[in-house]
Amino acid sequence: MTTIFDNFMHVFISVNIVTLLLGLSLLFILLVIIVNLKTIKSEKEYADFLGTIEGIKFFCYNNRKKNKEFIETTILPTLSSDIKIIYVDGKIPKSDYDQNFISTLLYSIKDRKGFPYLLKISNGQLVDKSISQDFYKTMNQNKDIRHLNENINSFYQST
């Protein structure tokens, strides 16, 4: 036989559980809103960043030892002075630009065939190209560097 006290306790516990669930739901909704606002702010800041580097050309390579040596001694000296360098040391991009924005830029690469990458900003968008295949043919088969340089220059001159 249940008493009034037992009934009161069941109602009290039920109300507290409902209140707790509502509170947690509201907290979850609030967290989702905050995360979305931060994401929107980050996307706006990144879009603004792309606007500030409109027309900039980048050459991006990584720290793979043999490649790095070849790039730094053979390719970089032949690049036009208006091409900015992004060196990826492990997972850390090093350049003259904000590391977070450059990380986002590199994460946005679509032509994921491997380093090195040619990048440029055109109409507020990243345009990218992997030159991995031509690079390795040039480096490993001792091909003439002029062919690789022509491909690099052709990419940067295209719209």
C-alpha atoms as a PDB file:
ATOM      1  CA  MET A   1       0.000   0.000   0.000  1.00  0.00           C
ATOM      2  CA  THR A   2       1.401   3.359  -1.042  1.00  0.00           C
ATOM      3  CA  THR A   3       1.245   6.320   1.215  1.00  0.00           C
ATOM      4  CA  ILE A   4       0.819   9.984   0.415  1.00  0.00           C
ATOM      5  CA  PHE A   5       4.490  10.393   1.146  1.00  0.00           C
ATOM      6  CA  ASP A   6       5.394   7.723  -1.468  1.00  0.00           C
ATOM      7  CA  ASN A   7       3.197   9.441  -4.065  1.00  0.00           C
ATOM      8  CA  PHE A   8       4.729  12.800  -3.206  1.00  0.00           C
ATOM      9  CA  MET A   9       8.252  11.374  -3.620  1.00  0.00           C
ATOM     10  CA  HIS A  10       7.392   9.878  -7.047  1.00  0.00           C
ATOM     11  CA  VAL A  11       5.996  13.208  -8.235  1.00  0.00           C
ATOM     12  CA  PHE A  12       8.931  15.093  -6.734  1.00  0.00           C
ATOM     13  CA  ILE A  13      11.482  12.798  -8.433  1.00  0.00           C
ATOM     14  CA  SER A  14       9.614  12.929 -11.756  1.00  0.00           C
ATOM     15  CA  VAL A  15       9.488  16.737 -11.674  1.00  0.00           C
ATOM     16  CA  ASN A  16      13.206  16.926 -10.870  1.00  0.00           C
ATOM     17  CA  ILE A  17      14.091  14.545 -13.693  1.00  0.00           C
ATOM     18  CA  VAL A  18      12.008  16.572 -16.163  1.00  0.00           C
ATOM     19  CA  THR A  19      13.569  19.815 -14.879  1.00  0.00           C
ATOM     20  CA  LEU A  20      17.057  18.329 -15.183  1.00  0.00           C
ATOM     21  CA  LEU A  21      16.382  17.119 -18.738  1.00  0.00           C
ATOM     22  CA  LEU A  22      14.984  20.511 -19.741  1.00  0.00           C
ATOM     23  CA  GLY A  23      18.000  22.247 -18.225  1.00  0.00           C
ATOM     24  CA  LEU A  24      20.422  19.957 -20.033  1.00  0.00           C
ATOM     25  CA  SER A  25      18.513  20.437 -23.289  1.00  0.00           C
ATOM     26  CA  LEU A  26      18.688  24.210 -22.930  1.00  0.00           C
ATOM     27  CA  LEU A  27      22.388  24.015 -22.094  1.00  0.00           C
ATOM     28  CA  PHE A  28      22.993  21.844 -25.182  1.00  0.00           C
ATOM     29  CA  ILE A  29      21.052  24.269 -27.389  1.00  0.00           C
ATOM     30  CA  LEU A  30      23.038  27.181 -25.969  1.00  0.00           C
ATOM     31  CA  LEU A  31      26.328  25.374 -26.677  1.00  0.00           C
ATOM     32  CA  VAL A  32      25.251  24.629 -30.258  1.00  0.00           C
ATOM     33  CA  ILE A  33      24.396  28.310 -30.766  1.00  0.00           C
ATOM     34  CA  ILE A  34      27.752  29.439 -29.356  1.00  0.00           C
ATOM     35  CA  VAL A  35      29.698  26.971 -31.528  1.00  0.00           C
ATOM     36  CA  ASN A  36      27.756  28.067 -34.622  1.00  0.00           C
ATOM     37  CA  LEU A  37      28.410  31.735 -33.875  1.00  0.00           C
ATOM     38  CA  LYS A  38      32.140  31.025 -33.473  1.00  0.00           C
ATOM     39  CA  THR A  39      32.139  29.057 -36.738  1.00  0.00           C
ATOM     40  CA  ILE A  40      30.389  31.891 -38.563  1.00  0.00           C
ATOM     41  CA  LYS A  41      32.884  34.381 -37.103  1.00  0.00           C
ATOM     42  CA  SER A  42      35.837  32.172 -38.123  1.00  0.00           C
ATOM     43  CA  GLU A  43      34.480  31.737 -41.650  1.00  0.00           C
ATOM     44  CA  LYS A  44      34.002  35.511 -41.951  1.00  0.00           C
ATOM     45  CA  GLU A  45      37.544  36.169 -40.706  1.00  0.00           C
ATOM     46  CA  TYR A  46      38.925  33.588 -43.158  1.00  0.00           C
ATOM     47  CA  ALA A  47      36.950  35.142 -46.040  1.00  0.00           C
ATOM     48  CA  ASP A  48      38.321  38.549 -45.020  1.00  0.00           C
ATOM     49  CA  PHE A  49      41.828  37.055 -44.951  1.00  0.00           C
ATOM     50  CA  LEU A  50      41.354  35.679 -48.471  1.00  0.00           C
ATOM     51  CA  GLY A  51      40.281  39.158 -49.539  1.00  0.00           C
ATOM     52  CA  THR A  52      43.499  40.650 -48.160  1.00  0.00           C
ATOM     53  CA  ILE A  53      45.654  38.170 -50.083  1.00  0.00           C
ATOM     54  CA  GLU A  54      43.729  38.362 -53.369  1.00  0.00           C
ATOM     55  CA  GLY A  55      46.094  37.655 -56.257  1.00  0.00           C
ATOM     56  CA  ILE A  56      48.861  36.266 -54.041  1.00  0.00           C
ATOM     57  CA  LYS A  57      50.713  33.225 -55.367  1.00  0.00           C
ATOM     58  CA  PHE A  58      52.132  30.550 -53.092  1.00  0.00           C
ATOM     59  CA  PHE A  59      54.573  27.706 -53.514  1.00  0.00           C
ATOM     60  CA  CYS A  60      54.080  25.112 -50.781  1.00  0.00           C
ATOM     61  CA  TYR A  61      56.451  22.289 -49.905  1.00  0.00           C
ATOM     62  CA  ASN A  62      57.105  20.094 -46.909  1.00  0.00           C
ATOM     63  CA  ASN A  63      60.015  18.848 -44.834  1.00  0.00           C
ATOM     64  CA  ARG A  64      60.619  15.564 -46.608  1.00  0.00           C
ATOM     65  CA  LYS A  65      64.427  15.686 -46.550  1.00  0.00           C
ATOM     66  CA  LYS A  66      65.395  14.765 -50.123  1.00  0.00           C
ATOM     67  CA  ASN A  67      62.567  16.882 -51.592  1.00  0.00           C
ATOM     68  CA  LYS A  68      63.336  19.852 -49.352  1.00  0.00           C
ATOM     69  CA  GLU A  69      66.983  19.928 -50.409  1.00  0.00           C
ATOM     70  CA  PHE A  70      66.109  19.718 -54.108  1.00  0.00           C
ATOM     71  CA  ILE A  71      63.395  22.363 -53.828  1.00  0.00           C
ATOM     72  CA  GLU A  72      65.549  24.785 -51.858  1.00  0.00           C
ATOM     73  CA  THR A  73      68.583  24.448 -54.107  1.00  0.00           C
ATOM     74  CA  THR A  74      66.948  23.972 -57.515  1.00  0.00           C
ATOM     75  CA  ILE A  75      63.369  25.266 -57.607  1.00  0.00           C
ATOM     76  CA  LEU A  76      63.063  28.145 -55.130  1.00  0.00           C
ATOM     77  CA  PRO A  77      65.883  30.173 -56.721  1.00  0.00           C
ATOM     78  CA  THR A  78      64.049  30.031 -60.073  1.00  0.00           C
ATOM     79  CA  LEU A  79      60.676  31.227 -58.749  1.00  0.00           C
ATOM     80  CA  SER A  80      59.460  34.737 -59.390  1.00  0.00           C
ATOM     81  CA  SER A  81      59.982  37.091 -56.449  1.00  0.00           C
ATOM     82  CA  ASP A  82      56.208  37.645 -56.122  1.00  0.00           C
ATOM     83  CA  ILE A  83      55.614  33.995 -55.211  1.00  0.00           C
ATOM     84  CA  LYS A  84      55.296  33.526 -51.460  1.00  0.00           C
ATOM     85  CA  ILE A  85      56.647  30.402 -49.824  1.00  0.00           C
ATOM     86  CA  ILE A  86      54.789  28.135 -47.416  1.00  0.00           C
ATOM     87  CA  TYR A  87      57.027  25.555 -45.797  1.00  0.00           C
ATOM     88  CA  VAL A  88      55.206  22.800 -43.925  1.00  0.00           C
ATOM     89  CA  ASP A  89      57.407  21.516 -41.126  1.00  0.00           C
ATOM     90  CA  GLY A  90      55.610  18.372 -39.978  1.00  0.00           C
ATOM     91  CA  LYS A  91      52.096  19.698 -39.528  1.00  0.00           C
ATOM     92  CA  ILE A  92      53.117  23.310 -38.906  1.00  0.00           C
ATOM     93  CA  PRO A  93      52.916  25.703 -41.864  1.00  0.00           C
ATOM     94  CA  LYS A  94      55.563  28.403 -41.815  1.00  0.00           C
ATOM     95  CA  SER A  95      55.076  31.529 -43.884  1.00  0.00           C
ATOM     96  CA  ASP A  96      54.747  35.293 -43.602  1.00  0.00           C
ATOM     97  CA  TYR A  97      51.033  34.906 -42.851  1.00  0.00           C
ATOM     98  CA  ASP A  98      48.891  33.946 -39.876  1.00  0.00           C
ATOM     99  CA  GLN A  99      49.465  30.253 -39.132  1.00  0.00           C
ATOM    100  CA  ASN A 100      45.782  29.511 -38.448  1.00  0.00           C
ATOM    101  CA  PHE A 101      44.654  31.042 -41.737  1.00  0.00           C
ATOM    102  CA  ILE A 102      47.406  29.277 -43.675  1.00  0.00           C
ATOM    103  CA  SER A 103      46.423  25.986 -42.015  1.00  0.00           C
ATOM    104  CA  THR A 104      42.839  26.551 -43.134  1.00  0.00           C
ATOM    105  CA  LEU A 105      44.093  27.417 -46.606  1.00  0.00           C
ATOM    106  CA  LEU A 106      46.106  24.193 -46.813  1.00  0.00           C
ATOM    107  CA  TYR A 107      43.202  22.165 -45.448  1.00  0.00           C
ATOM    108  CA  SER A 108      41.125  23.562 -48.334  1.00  0.00           C
ATOM    109  CA  ILE A 109      43.393  22.097 -51.023  1.00  0.00           C
ATOM    110  CA  LYS A 110      41.325  20.021 -53.439  1.00  0.00           C
ATOM    111  CA  ASP A 111      44.069  18.533 -55.661  1.00  0.00           C
ATOM    112  CA  ARG A 112      45.463  16.258 -52.939  1.00  0.00           C
ATOM    113  CA  LYS A 113      48.077  14.385 -54.931  1.00  0.00           C
ATOM    114  CA  GLY A 114      51.007  15.413 -52.763  1.00  0.00           C
ATOM    115  CA  PHE A 115      53.605  18.100 -52.213  1.00  0.00           C
ATOM    116  CA  PRO A 116      54.684  20.433 -53.637  1.00  0.00           C
ATOM    117  CA  TYR A 117      51.563  22.529 -54.235  1.00  0.00           C
ATOM    118  CA  LEU A 118      51.009  25.641 -56.278  1.00  0.00           C
ATOM    119  CA  LEU A 119      48.370  27.920 -54.781  1.00  0.00           C
ATOM    120  CA  LYS A 120      46.852  31.236 -55.708  1.00  0.00           C
ATOM    121  CA  ILE A 121      43.937  33.306 -54.523  1.00  0.00           C
ATOM    122  CA  SER A 122      41.563  34.323 -57.288  1.00  0.00           C
ATOM    123  CA  ASN A 123      38.184  36.002 -56.727  1.00  0.00           C
ATOM    124  CA  GLY A 124      38.389  35.227 -53.022  1.00  0.00           C
ATOM    125  CA  GLN A 125      38.857  31.503 -53.684  1.00  0.00           C
ATOM    126  CA  LEU A 126      41.800  29.162 -53.379  1.00  0.00           C
ATOM    127  CA  VAL A 127      43.021  27.695 -56.658  1.00  0.00           C
ATOM    128  CA  ASP A 128      45.457  24.838 -56.157  1.00  0.00           C
ATOM    129  CA  LYS A 129      47.495  22.330 -58.092  1.00  0.00           C
ATOM    130  CA  SER A 130      49.784  19.522 -57.015  1.00  0.00           C
ATOM    131  CA  ILE A 131      52.957  19.326 -59.076  1.00  0.00           C
ATOM    132  CA  SER A 132      54.049  16.151 -57.325  1.00  0.00           C
ATOM    133  CA  GLN A 133      54.208  14.012 -60.479  1.00  0.00           C
ATOM    134  CA  ASP A 134      56.226  16.540 -62.512  1.00  0.00           C
ATOM    135  CA  PHE A 135      58.391  17.286 -59.492  1.00  0.00           C
ATOM    136  CA  TYR A 136      59.363  13.645 -58.943  1.00  0.00           C
ATOM    137  CA  LYS A 137      60.008  13.085 -62.655  1.00  0.00           C
ATOM    138  CA  THR A 138      62.313  16.099 -62.657  1.00  0.00           C
ATOM    139  CA  MET A 139      64.095  15.171 -59.448  1.00  0.00           C
ATOM    140  CA  ASN A 140      64.378  11.390 -59.797  1.00  0.00           C
ATOM    141  CA  GLN A 141      64.918  11.122 -63.550  1.00  0.00           C
ATOM    142  CA  ASN A 142      67.199  14.155 -63.801  1.00  0.00           C
ATOM    143  CA  LYS A 143      64.824  15.801 -66.263  1.00  0.00           C
ATOM    144  CA  ASP A 144      65.376  19.377 -67.333  1.00  0.00           C
ATOM    145  CA  ILE A 145      64.080  21.801 -64.709  1.00  0.00           C
ATOM    146  CA  ARG A 146      62.746  24.084 -67.463  1.00  0.00           C
ATOM    147  CA  HIS A 147      59.718  21.836 -68.080  1.00  0.00           C
ATOM    148  CA  LEU A 148      58.769  21.987 -64.399  1.00  0.00           C
ATOM    149  CA  ASN A 149      59.326  25.759 -64.367  1.00  0.00           C
ATOM    150  CA  GLU A 150      57.069  26.136 -67.411  1.00  0.00           C
ATOM    151  CA  ASN A 151      54.302  24.207 -65.630  1.00  0.00           C
ATOM    152  CA  ILE A 152      54.723  26.360 -62.532  1.00  0.00           C
ATOM    153  CA  ASN A 153      54.640  29.611 -64.504  1.00  0.00           C
ATOM    154  CA  SER A 154      51.703  28.413 -66.590  1.00  0.00           C
ATOM    155  CA  PHE A 155      49.653  27.747 -63.453  1.00  0.00           C
ATOM    156  CA  TYR A 156      50.343  31.176 -61.988  1.00  0.00           C
ATOM    157  CA  GLN A 157      49.599  32.958 -65.270  1.00  0.00           C
ATOM    158  CA  SER A 158      46.291  31.173 -65.858  1.00  0.00           C
ATOM    159  CA  THR A 159      43.117  32.759 -64.527  1.00  0.00           C
END
